Protein backbone atom coordinates (compact mmCIF):
# COMPACT_ATOMS: atom_id res chain seq x y z
CA MET A 1 87.25 119.07 51.80
CA ALA A 2 87.23 115.46 53.00
CA VAL A 3 86.49 116.52 56.56
CA ARG A 4 83.13 117.93 55.36
CA ALA A 5 82.12 114.72 53.63
CA GLU A 6 78.98 112.90 54.73
CA ILE A 7 79.93 109.35 55.61
CA THR A 8 76.52 107.93 56.63
CA GLY A 9 73.00 107.98 55.24
CA GLU A 10 72.02 110.35 58.04
CA LYS A 11 74.42 113.00 56.67
CA GLU A 12 76.83 112.54 59.55
CA THR A 13 80.41 113.67 59.11
CA ALA A 14 83.54 112.27 60.72
CA LEU A 15 83.22 115.01 63.35
CA HIS A 16 79.71 113.85 64.29
CA ILE A 17 80.89 110.25 64.73
CA ALA A 18 83.98 111.21 66.72
CA ALA A 19 81.99 113.59 68.96
CA VAL A 20 79.30 111.09 69.91
CA ALA A 21 82.00 108.45 70.52
CA GLY A 22 83.86 110.78 72.86
CA HIS A 23 87.22 110.70 71.01
CA ARG A 24 88.61 114.00 72.30
CA GLU A 25 92.01 114.02 70.60
CA PHE A 26 90.56 113.01 67.22
CA VAL A 27 87.90 115.72 67.50
CA GLU A 28 90.51 118.35 68.32
CA GLU A 29 92.50 117.42 65.20
CA LEU A 30 89.38 117.53 63.02
CA VAL A 31 88.39 120.92 64.40
CA LYS A 32 91.80 122.32 63.47
CA MET A 33 91.21 121.27 59.85
CA MET A 34 87.66 122.68 59.67
CA THR A 35 86.35 126.20 59.35
CA SER A 36 83.88 127.67 61.83
CA GLU A 37 81.12 127.22 59.23
CA ASP A 38 82.01 123.54 58.86
CA LEU A 39 81.22 123.03 62.56
CA GLN A 40 77.60 124.02 61.86
CA LEU A 41 77.02 121.13 59.43
CA GLN A 42 73.83 119.33 60.42
CA THR A 43 72.52 115.79 60.03
CA LYS A 44 69.09 114.92 58.65
CA ASP A 45 67.67 115.58 62.13
CA GLY A 46 69.35 118.96 62.29
CA ASN A 47 71.99 117.90 64.83
CA THR A 48 75.34 119.62 64.77
CA ALA A 49 78.45 117.89 66.07
CA LEU A 50 78.02 119.94 69.26
CA CYS A 51 74.60 118.35 69.80
CA PHE A 52 76.28 114.96 69.63
CA ALA A 53 79.03 116.16 71.95
CA ALA A 54 76.38 117.35 74.42
CA ALA A 55 74.94 113.84 74.43
CA SER A 56 78.37 112.28 74.98
CA GLY A 57 79.09 114.52 77.98
CA VAL A 58 82.78 115.07 77.18
CA ARG A 59 83.30 118.72 78.09
CA GLU A 60 86.67 119.12 76.30
CA ILE A 61 85.09 118.14 72.97
CA ALA A 62 82.44 120.83 73.27
CA LYS A 63 85.02 123.42 74.33
CA ALA A 64 87.19 122.69 71.29
CA MET A 65 84.23 123.37 69.00
CA VAL A 66 82.88 126.45 70.81
CA ASP A 67 86.35 128.02 70.96
CA LYS A 68 86.31 128.02 67.15
CA ASN A 69 82.64 128.95 66.70
CA TYR A 70 81.05 130.83 69.62
CA TRP A 71 77.61 130.76 67.94
CA LEU A 72 77.50 126.96 67.82
CA PRO A 73 75.58 126.58 71.15
CA MET A 74 72.75 128.64 69.63
CA VAL A 75 72.21 126.31 66.63
CA ARG A 76 69.06 124.24 67.21
CA ASP A 77 68.21 120.82 65.85
CA SER A 78 65.08 120.14 63.78
CA ASN A 79 63.02 119.95 67.00
CA GLY A 80 64.25 123.32 68.20
CA ALA A 81 66.47 121.82 70.94
CA THR A 82 69.73 123.56 71.78
CA PRO A 83 72.84 121.62 72.85
CA LEU A 84 72.32 122.97 76.38
CA TYR A 85 68.80 121.51 76.50
CA ILE A 86 70.13 118.13 75.28
CA ALA A 87 72.84 118.06 77.96
CA ALA A 88 70.38 119.06 80.69
CA LEU A 89 67.79 116.53 79.55
CA LEU A 90 70.37 113.72 79.59
CA GLY A 91 71.76 114.75 82.98
CA LYS A 92 75.29 115.55 81.71
CA GLN A 93 76.30 117.83 84.57
CA ASP A 94 79.78 119.00 83.48
CA MET A 95 78.61 119.48 79.91
CA ALA A 96 75.49 121.39 80.98
CA GLN A 97 77.53 123.69 83.23
CA TYR A 98 79.92 124.50 80.40
CA LEU A 99 77.25 124.99 77.75
CA LEU A 100 75.30 127.25 80.11
CA SER A 101 78.33 129.54 80.28
CA ALA A 102 78.75 129.34 76.50
CA THR A 103 75.09 129.88 75.59
CA ILE A 104 73.70 133.38 75.21
CA THR A 105 70.59 132.74 77.27
CA ASN A 106 69.25 136.25 76.71
CA GLN A 107 68.80 135.38 73.04
CA LEU A 108 66.81 132.24 73.81
CA THR A 109 63.04 132.39 73.71
CA ASP A 110 61.05 132.25 76.93
CA SER A 111 59.87 128.77 75.99
CA GLU A 112 63.42 127.55 75.43
CA ARG A 113 64.61 128.88 78.80
CA ILE A 114 61.65 127.30 80.56
CA ASN A 115 62.31 123.92 78.88
CA ILE A 116 65.99 124.02 79.85
CA PHE A 117 65.08 125.04 83.41
CA PHE A 118 62.61 122.17 83.84
CA ALA A 119 64.99 119.68 82.19
CA ALA A 120 67.77 120.68 84.61
CA ILE A 121 65.48 120.19 87.62
CA SER A 122 64.17 116.84 86.38
CA SER A 123 67.79 115.66 85.93
CA LYS A 124 68.75 117.03 89.38
CA LEU A 125 71.21 119.51 87.87
CA PHE A 126 70.33 122.02 90.56
CA ASP A 127 73.48 124.10 90.11
CA VAL A 128 72.46 124.73 86.49
CA ALA A 129 68.90 125.54 87.56
CA LEU A 130 70.20 127.95 90.23
CA THR A 131 72.29 129.82 87.65
CA LEU A 132 69.33 130.08 85.31
CA ILE A 133 66.93 131.39 87.95
CA ASP A 134 69.57 133.84 89.13
CA GLN A 135 69.85 135.21 85.58
CA HIS A 136 66.13 135.01 84.90
CA PRO A 137 64.08 135.34 88.13
CA GLU A 138 60.81 135.05 86.19
CA LEU A 139 61.46 131.30 85.92
CA ALA A 140 60.25 130.99 89.54
CA VAL A 141 56.64 131.36 88.37
CA ALA A 142 57.09 129.88 84.90
CA GLN A 143 54.77 127.04 83.99
CA ASN A 144 55.41 124.08 81.74
CA GLY A 145 53.03 122.58 79.20
CA ASN A 146 51.02 120.94 82.00
CA GLY A 147 50.45 124.22 83.78
CA GLU A 148 52.84 123.28 86.59
CA THR A 149 55.65 125.32 88.07
CA ALA A 150 59.05 123.96 88.99
CA LEU A 151 57.80 123.73 92.58
CA HIS A 152 55.32 121.07 91.50
CA VAL A 153 58.17 119.08 89.93
CA LEU A 154 60.32 119.36 93.06
CA ALA A 155 57.40 118.32 95.26
CA ARG A 156 57.31 114.96 93.46
CA MET A 157 61.07 114.42 93.87
CA PRO A 158 61.73 113.14 97.40
CA SER A 159 65.03 111.71 96.17
CA ALA A 160 66.26 115.28 95.58
CA PHE A 161 65.95 115.83 99.33
CA SER A 162 67.14 112.34 100.27
CA SER A 163 69.33 113.61 103.10
CA GLY A 164 66.22 114.04 105.15
CA SER A 165 68.08 113.80 108.43
CA GLN A 166 70.02 117.00 107.66
CA LEU A 167 66.83 118.84 106.84
CA LEU A 168 65.09 117.59 109.96
CA ILE A 169 68.01 118.90 111.99
CA ARG A 170 67.61 122.26 110.29
CA LEU A 171 63.93 122.39 111.21
CA ARG A 172 64.65 121.53 114.84
CA ARG A 173 67.36 124.17 114.99
CA PHE A 174 64.99 126.70 113.46
CA PHE A 175 62.42 126.22 116.20
CA SER A 176 65.09 126.07 118.91
CA CYS A 177 67.02 129.09 117.52
CA THR A 178 70.36 127.26 117.46
CA LYS A 179 73.10 127.60 114.89
CA GLU A 180 73.16 125.24 111.92
CA THR A 181 75.99 123.91 109.77
CA HIS A 182 75.76 122.06 106.48
CA ASP A 183 77.60 121.47 103.22
CA PRO A 184 76.40 124.13 100.75
CA ASN A 185 77.57 122.10 97.75
CA SER A 186 75.63 118.91 98.44
CA VAL A 187 72.80 117.98 96.09
CA THR A 188 70.31 118.23 98.94
CA MET A 189 71.42 121.72 99.93
CA LEU A 190 71.43 122.89 96.31
CA ALA A 191 67.86 121.61 95.95
CA ALA A 192 66.89 123.38 99.18
CA LYS A 193 68.48 126.64 97.99
CA LEU A 194 66.68 126.37 94.66
CA LEU A 195 63.40 125.79 96.46
CA GLU A 196 63.95 128.83 98.67
CA LEU A 197 64.73 131.06 95.67
CA MET A 198 61.68 129.86 93.78
CA TRP A 199 59.33 130.32 96.74
CA LYS A 200 60.69 133.81 97.42
CA GLY A 201 60.32 134.61 93.74
CA VAL A 202 56.70 133.53 93.82
CA SER A 203 55.98 135.53 96.97
CA ALA A 204 57.58 138.66 95.49
CA SER A 205 55.74 138.44 92.17
CA ASN A 206 53.39 141.29 91.25
CA ASP A 207 51.55 139.36 88.58
CA GLU A 208 47.81 140.02 88.51
CA ALA A 209 47.15 136.30 88.38
CA ILE A 210 49.43 135.60 91.35
CA GLY A 211 46.46 134.89 93.62
CA GLU A 212 45.37 131.93 91.54
CA LEU A 213 48.98 130.82 91.17
CA LEU A 214 49.54 130.95 94.92
CA TRP A 215 46.48 128.79 95.45
CA LYS A 216 47.88 126.27 92.98
CA LEU A 217 51.25 126.43 94.67
CA SER A 218 49.72 125.75 98.08
CA GLN A 219 48.65 122.40 96.69
CA VAL A 220 52.28 121.40 96.21
CA LEU A 221 52.45 121.00 99.99
CA PHE A 222 50.00 118.12 99.84
CA THR A 223 51.64 116.69 96.73
CA ALA A 224 54.93 116.63 98.64
CA ALA A 225 53.21 115.03 101.65
CA GLU A 226 51.65 112.38 99.41
CA PHE A 227 55.02 111.55 97.83
CA GLY A 228 56.82 111.55 101.19
CA ASN A 229 59.01 114.54 100.34
CA SER A 230 59.92 115.53 103.89
CA GLY A 231 62.89 117.67 102.81
CA PHE A 232 60.71 119.80 100.54
CA LEU A 233 58.22 120.45 103.33
CA THR A 234 60.97 121.19 105.84
CA VAL A 235 62.40 123.97 103.69
CA LEU A 236 59.00 125.57 103.11
CA ILE A 237 57.98 125.36 106.77
CA ARG A 238 61.24 127.07 107.74
CA LEU A 239 60.45 129.88 105.29
CA HIS A 240 56.79 130.15 106.25
CA PRO A 241 55.80 128.30 109.45
CA GLU A 242 52.15 129.22 108.83
CA LEU A 243 52.09 126.69 105.99
CA MET A 244 51.64 123.99 108.64
CA TRP A 245 48.07 125.20 109.10
CA LYS A 246 47.12 124.82 105.43
CA VAL A 247 44.47 122.24 104.58
CA ASP A 248 43.56 120.64 101.26
CA ASP A 249 40.15 120.26 99.64
CA GLN A 250 39.25 117.54 102.15
CA LYS A 251 40.30 119.74 105.10
CA LEU A 252 43.39 117.65 105.79
CA SER A 253 46.77 119.03 106.87
CA ILE A 254 50.08 117.76 105.56
CA PHE A 255 50.36 115.57 108.66
CA HIS A 256 46.98 113.97 107.97
CA VAL A 257 48.10 113.25 104.40
CA ALA A 258 51.37 111.81 105.71
CA VAL A 259 49.49 109.45 108.03
CA ALA A 260 47.10 108.37 105.27
CA HIS A 261 50.06 107.53 102.99
CA ARG A 262 52.28 106.20 105.82
CA HIS A 263 55.23 108.58 105.43
CA GLU A 264 57.11 108.38 108.70
CA LYS A 265 59.59 111.23 108.14
CA ILE A 266 56.84 113.76 107.50
CA PHE A 267 54.73 112.58 110.42
CA ARG A 268 57.81 112.82 112.63
CA LEU A 269 57.91 116.58 111.98
CA ILE A 270 54.81 116.97 114.12
CA TYR A 271 56.94 116.33 117.21
CA ASP A 272 59.15 119.31 116.31
CA ILE A 273 56.43 121.98 116.32
CA GLY A 274 55.66 121.98 120.02
CA ALA A 275 52.12 122.63 121.24
CA ARG A 276 50.98 123.28 117.68
CA LYS A 277 50.69 119.54 117.17
CA ASP A 278 47.74 119.28 119.54
CA MET A 279 45.75 121.78 117.49
CA ILE A 280 46.69 120.27 114.13
CA ALA A 281 45.93 116.76 115.38
CA ALA A 282 42.40 117.98 116.16
CA TYR A 283 41.59 118.62 112.48
CA LYS A 284 38.78 116.53 110.98
CA ASP A 285 37.91 115.99 107.34
CA GLU A 286 34.52 116.40 105.66
CA ASN A 287 33.44 112.94 106.88
CA ASP A 288 34.42 113.70 110.48
CA ASN A 289 37.45 111.45 110.28
CA ASN A 290 40.16 112.56 112.66
CA ILE A 291 43.83 111.72 112.19
CA LEU A 292 43.40 108.44 114.11
CA HIS A 293 40.67 107.37 111.68
CA LEU A 294 43.18 107.89 108.87
CA ALA A 295 45.66 105.69 110.69
CA GLY A 296 42.90 103.09 111.00
CA LYS A 297 42.45 102.92 107.24
CA LEU A 298 44.46 100.41 105.26
CA ALA A 299 47.73 101.82 103.95
CA PRO A 300 48.24 102.20 100.19
CA ARG A 301 49.39 98.96 98.61
CA ILE A 302 52.75 100.43 97.61
CA GLN A 303 53.51 101.24 101.25
CA LEU A 304 52.41 97.81 102.47
CA LYS A 305 54.81 96.15 100.04
CA ILE A 306 57.77 97.75 101.82
CA ASP A 307 57.50 94.95 104.40
CA SER A 308 57.59 91.37 103.16
CA GLY A 309 54.99 89.05 104.58
CA ALA A 310 51.44 89.80 105.69
CA ALA A 311 52.31 89.42 109.38
CA LEU A 312 55.02 92.09 109.18
CA GLN A 313 52.66 94.36 107.25
CA MET A 314 49.97 93.89 109.89
CA ARG A 315 52.47 94.67 112.63
CA GLN A 316 53.56 97.85 110.88
CA GLU A 317 49.94 98.96 110.56
CA ILE A 318 49.36 98.38 114.28
CA LEU A 319 52.49 100.37 115.12
CA TRP A 320 51.24 103.27 113.00
CA PHE A 321 47.86 103.21 114.76
CA LYS A 322 49.51 103.12 118.20
CA GLU A 323 51.88 105.97 117.32
CA VAL A 324 49.13 108.26 116.04
CA GLU A 325 47.02 107.36 119.06
CA LYS A 326 49.66 108.99 121.27
CA ILE A 327 49.18 112.47 119.80
CA VAL A 328 45.36 112.70 119.76
CA GLN A 329 43.32 113.84 122.71
CA PRO A 330 41.62 111.00 124.63
CA SER A 331 38.13 111.81 123.36
CA TYR A 332 39.28 111.37 119.74
CA ARG A 333 40.16 107.73 120.37
CA GLU A 334 36.48 106.84 120.69
CA MET A 335 35.11 109.54 118.40
CA LYS A 336 32.78 108.34 115.63
CA ASN A 337 32.94 109.61 112.07
CA SER A 338 29.93 110.33 109.87
CA ASP A 339 29.51 106.59 109.31
CA GLY A 340 29.33 105.99 113.06
CA LYS A 341 32.70 104.19 113.21
CA THR A 342 35.34 104.69 115.85
CA PRO A 343 39.05 104.55 114.84
CA SER A 344 39.44 101.09 116.42
CA PHE A 345 36.37 99.73 114.64
CA LEU A 346 37.54 101.22 111.35
CA PHE A 347 40.98 99.67 111.83
CA ALA A 348 39.48 96.21 112.44
CA GLU A 349 37.18 96.56 109.44
CA GLU A 350 39.83 97.88 107.03
CA HIS A 351 42.43 95.31 108.10
CA LYS A 352 40.19 92.25 108.18
CA GLU A 353 41.61 90.70 105.00
CA LEU A 354 45.19 91.61 105.93
CA ARG A 355 44.72 90.01 109.35
CA GLN A 356 43.48 86.80 107.71
CA GLU A 357 46.43 86.82 105.31
CA ALA A 358 48.77 87.38 108.25
CA GLU A 359 47.22 84.44 110.09
CA LYS A 360 47.68 82.17 107.07
CA TRP A 361 51.24 83.44 106.62
CA MET A 362 52.13 82.68 110.24
CA LYS A 363 50.55 79.22 110.16
CA HIS A 364 52.24 78.40 106.86
CA ASN A 365 55.67 79.36 108.19
CA ALA A 366 55.05 77.61 111.51
CA SER A 367 54.04 74.38 109.74
CA SER A 368 56.95 74.34 107.30
CA CYS A 369 58.99 71.99 109.46
CA GLY A 370 58.14 68.66 107.81
CA ASN A 371 55.57 67.64 110.46
CA ASP A 372 52.01 66.37 110.22
CA ASP A 373 49.75 69.34 110.99
CA ASP A 374 47.30 67.19 113.01
CA THR A 375 49.63 65.04 115.13
CA GLY A 376 52.93 66.93 114.93
CA LYS A 377 54.79 63.73 113.98
CA PRO A 378 57.41 63.80 111.21
CA ILE A 379 55.90 63.01 107.82
CA PHE A 380 58.69 60.51 106.98
CA LEU A 381 58.67 58.83 110.39
CA TYR A 382 58.15 55.31 108.97
CA ASN A 383 60.49 55.76 106.04
CA ARG A 384 63.66 53.63 106.33
CA LEU A 385 65.76 56.41 104.85
CA PHE A 386 64.41 58.82 107.45
CA MET A 387 65.57 56.49 110.22
CA ILE A 388 69.00 56.36 108.57
CA PHE A 389 68.98 60.13 108.47
CA THR A 390 68.02 60.33 112.16
CA VAL A 391 70.68 57.88 113.34
CA SER A 392 73.42 59.37 111.18
CA THR A 393 72.57 62.89 112.31
CA ALA A 394 72.74 61.86 115.97
CA SER A 395 76.00 60.03 115.34
CA ALA A 396 77.48 63.06 113.60
CA VAL A 397 76.54 65.35 116.50
CA PHE A 398 77.87 63.05 119.23
CA SER A 399 81.08 62.16 117.44
CA SER A 400 81.83 65.78 116.48
CA ALA A 401 81.30 66.83 120.10
CA THR A 402 83.63 64.05 121.21
CA SER A 403 86.24 65.14 118.69
CA VAL A 404 86.09 68.76 119.87
CA LEU A 405 86.41 67.70 123.52
CA MET A 406 89.42 65.49 122.77
CA PHE A 407 91.23 68.23 120.86
CA LEU A 408 90.47 70.74 123.64
CA SER A 409 91.81 68.34 126.24
CA ILE A 410 95.04 68.09 124.24
CA LEU A 411 95.34 71.87 124.07
CA THR A 412 94.78 72.23 127.83
CA SER A 413 97.02 69.31 128.83
CA ARG A 414 99.95 69.80 131.25
CA TYR A 415 102.27 68.08 128.76
CA ALA A 416 104.03 66.19 131.51
CA VAL A 417 106.65 63.66 130.44
CA GLU A 418 104.38 60.71 131.34
CA ASP A 419 101.49 62.14 129.25
CA PHE A 420 103.39 61.48 126.04
CA LEU A 421 103.47 57.77 126.79
CA TYR A 422 99.74 56.97 126.54
CA SER A 423 97.44 59.88 127.48
CA LEU A 424 98.09 62.37 124.69
CA LEU A 425 98.30 59.73 121.96
CA SER A 426 95.05 58.10 123.12
CA ARG A 427 93.24 61.44 123.06
CA LEU A 428 94.57 62.27 119.60
CA VAL A 429 93.51 58.86 118.24
CA LEU A 430 90.06 59.23 119.76
CA GLY A 431 89.74 62.78 118.43
CA VAL A 432 90.76 61.92 114.88
CA GLY A 433 88.66 58.76 114.91
CA SER A 434 85.53 60.54 116.15
CA LEU A 435 86.13 63.29 113.59
CA PHE A 436 86.17 60.66 110.85
CA VAL A 437 82.94 59.12 112.19
CA SER A 438 81.36 62.58 112.32
CA ILE A 439 82.24 63.34 108.71
CA ALA A 440 81.07 59.95 107.52
CA ALA A 441 77.78 60.22 109.43
CA MET A 442 77.21 63.73 108.11
CA MET A 443 77.68 62.53 104.55
CA VAL A 444 75.29 59.64 105.13
CA ALA A 445 72.69 62.08 106.48
CA PHE A 446 73.30 64.32 103.48
CA GLY A 447 72.77 61.46 101.03
CA ALA A 448 69.71 60.15 102.88
CA THR A 449 68.12 63.60 102.73
CA HIS A 450 68.49 63.74 98.97
CA PHE A 451 67.03 60.27 98.54
CA ILE A 452 64.08 61.14 100.82
CA PHE A 453 63.08 64.26 98.92
CA LEU A 454 64.11 63.32 95.39
CA GLY A 455 63.41 59.61 95.53
CA HIS A 456 64.17 57.05 92.84
CA ASP A 457 62.71 59.24 90.12
CA TYR A 458 65.80 61.43 90.28
CA ALA A 459 68.38 58.66 90.61
CA ARG A 460 70.54 60.35 87.98
CA ILE A 461 71.00 63.23 90.41
CA THR A 462 71.04 61.52 93.80
CA ILE A 463 73.47 58.69 92.96
CA PRO A 464 76.29 60.98 91.72
CA ILE A 465 75.76 63.22 94.76
CA ALA A 466 75.99 60.24 97.10
CA ALA A 467 79.10 59.00 95.29
CA PHE A 468 80.73 62.40 95.63
CA ALA A 469 79.89 62.48 99.35
CA SER A 470 81.40 59.05 99.89
CA GLY A 471 84.46 60.16 97.96
CA THR A 472 84.97 62.97 100.47
CA VAL A 473 84.93 60.52 103.38
CA THR A 474 87.28 58.15 101.55
CA LEU A 475 89.73 60.95 100.82
CA PHE A 476 89.81 61.97 104.49
CA ALA A 477 90.38 58.35 105.54
CA LEU A 478 93.23 57.87 103.07
CA LEU A 479 94.93 61.07 104.17
CA GLN A 480 94.69 60.35 107.90
CA PHE A 481 95.08 56.55 107.88
CA PRO A 482 98.92 56.43 107.95
CA LEU A 483 99.10 58.75 110.97
CA LEU A 484 96.21 57.02 112.74
CA SER A 485 97.59 53.50 112.24
CA ASP A 486 101.00 54.63 113.40
CA MET A 487 99.57 56.10 116.61
CA ILE A 488 97.46 52.98 117.30
CA ARG A 489 100.55 50.79 116.84
CA HIS A 490 102.45 52.89 119.37
CA ILE A 491 99.64 52.75 121.89
CA CYS A 492 99.41 48.96 121.62
CA SER A 493 103.13 48.64 122.23
CA ARG A 494 103.67 48.19 126.00
CA SER A 495 107.44 48.32 125.80
CA LEU A 496 110.15 49.29 123.39
CA LEU A 497 111.12 45.69 122.69
CA SER A 498 108.88 42.72 122.25
CA HIS A 499 109.21 39.71 124.55
CA PRO A 500 112.03 37.36 123.54
CA GLU A 501 111.04 34.09 121.96
CA GLY A 502 112.85 30.76 122.08
CA ARG A 503 115.95 29.99 124.07
CA PRO A 504 117.95 32.70 125.79
CA LEU A 505 121.27 33.73 124.27
CA PHE A 506 123.21 32.53 127.33
C-alpha cells in the first residue's frame, strides 16, 4: 500500500511526517487507510508515528492512533524510550496525561517507570508524577542513575514552588492552628502534594537500607536551603517540625545555610517558629562561626549580581548583617571564631574589595556631570559653542515659562468686552512669540550640544541634524506667521479707520 511507503532516507512514512507536523485531520485520514500493524512501522531510529506524535504534543493525533492499536504506547524506540517518556521529557502535558492513561504501566520495567517519573518531575508535570506514584508507591524511594531520589530533584527546583508567599502563609497557619485555603490544582500545590506523598512514602518504607537512605534524604534540606527553595522546606517543616533542628556536616542549620547564600525567603521563616529561633540562632559551626559570622562573609557572586552596581551590593550586604544581628543574643555580636575574628571584623575584612569598588562606583557616577574633578568647573567653559549652548538653554527656559504664563493668563481671564480690544490679543501674541523663541533656542542648544561632543570630525552627522532642527523651527514659523502677523496688525490699529488725508469732502 502507498500509505506504508517510506518517503525519506530515514524510513519515515507519510504518517510519521504528518504526525510530527501536527496535521490532525490528515493523520486521521491516513489512520483510516492503515491497519493496526501499519501503525507500528518504525524509522531507522526505531520511532513509530506515535513517538513523533508524542513530540508534537497534539493529543488528538495520538488518540486516533491508539484507538486503532492499543499496544502502540508500549512500542519502544531504538533507545528503549516509550512515547510516554518522550512526552514527559519534552514537557508535553496534555500528551503525557493521555499517554499515561493509555500505557500499561504495570508491564513497564522498573527502570522505565523510574525514568518516566523523573522526566515528569524535571518537566514540572506534577500531575503525571502524582498519578505514577499513586499507582507505584515504590517510586518514592526510587533512585536515578546518580543515586538521587526525586526529593533531591525537587530540592533543586525552587521554581516549582515559586508561589512562596502561599507556602509561607501555610507555615504560619500551621503554627497558629488557623484554617488554610488554597487552589489544589495550581502547579505549586501539586508540587507540594507530590513532595508530601514522597516524604510519607520514604518514612513508611521498611527497606533494610532505609537508614542510609534517610540520612541521604536529610541532606536534601540543605540542598534546598542552598538553592533558595523556601517552598520545599515549608512543606517538609509542616510535615516534620523537628527537621528545623537538623544540621549538616559543618553543624549548620538550614537557616545558617540560607544566610550564607543570602536567601531571604528561607531566612524569613525563622520569624515564624517562635522562641525556637533563639536556640537555632545559637548554633555554631566547626570553626566557631555563629550565624552573624556567616552574614559577615561575602555573599556568593551570583547573589551579589542581583543588584547592579557595587554600592547597591554593599548596601544589601550591610542590610543582611544588620538583619541577622537582630536575632542573635548580644554576646554573639562580639564573639570571636577560631581565627579570633568578631563578626564585625570579619565583615570589614571580607567586604574590603567590595567597599573599594563601591567607593569608585559612587565617585564615578558623582563625577559624570561634565565637570573638572579638581575645580568643579565645566570642562567646556571656554568653548564658544558651550557659551552658545548656555545662552540658548537659558533663553529656552525663560521664554517657555513666559509662554506658559501668557497662555494661563488667557485661560483665567474675565473675558470682559474691553479685554478683546488689546489685552487678550497682546497676551496671545506674546505667548506665541515666546513659544517660537523657546523652540528656536531649544533647537540651537540641541545643535550646539552635538557640535560640542562630536566636533568637526563628524560633520556628516552634525550638519544634517542641525539642518533638520532648523527646519522644525522654520516650519513652526511658517504655520504661525499668518495668525501672528494678523494679530500684530490689529493691535497696532488704534481705530477702525485710519486718519483722513488731504482735503475734507465738504
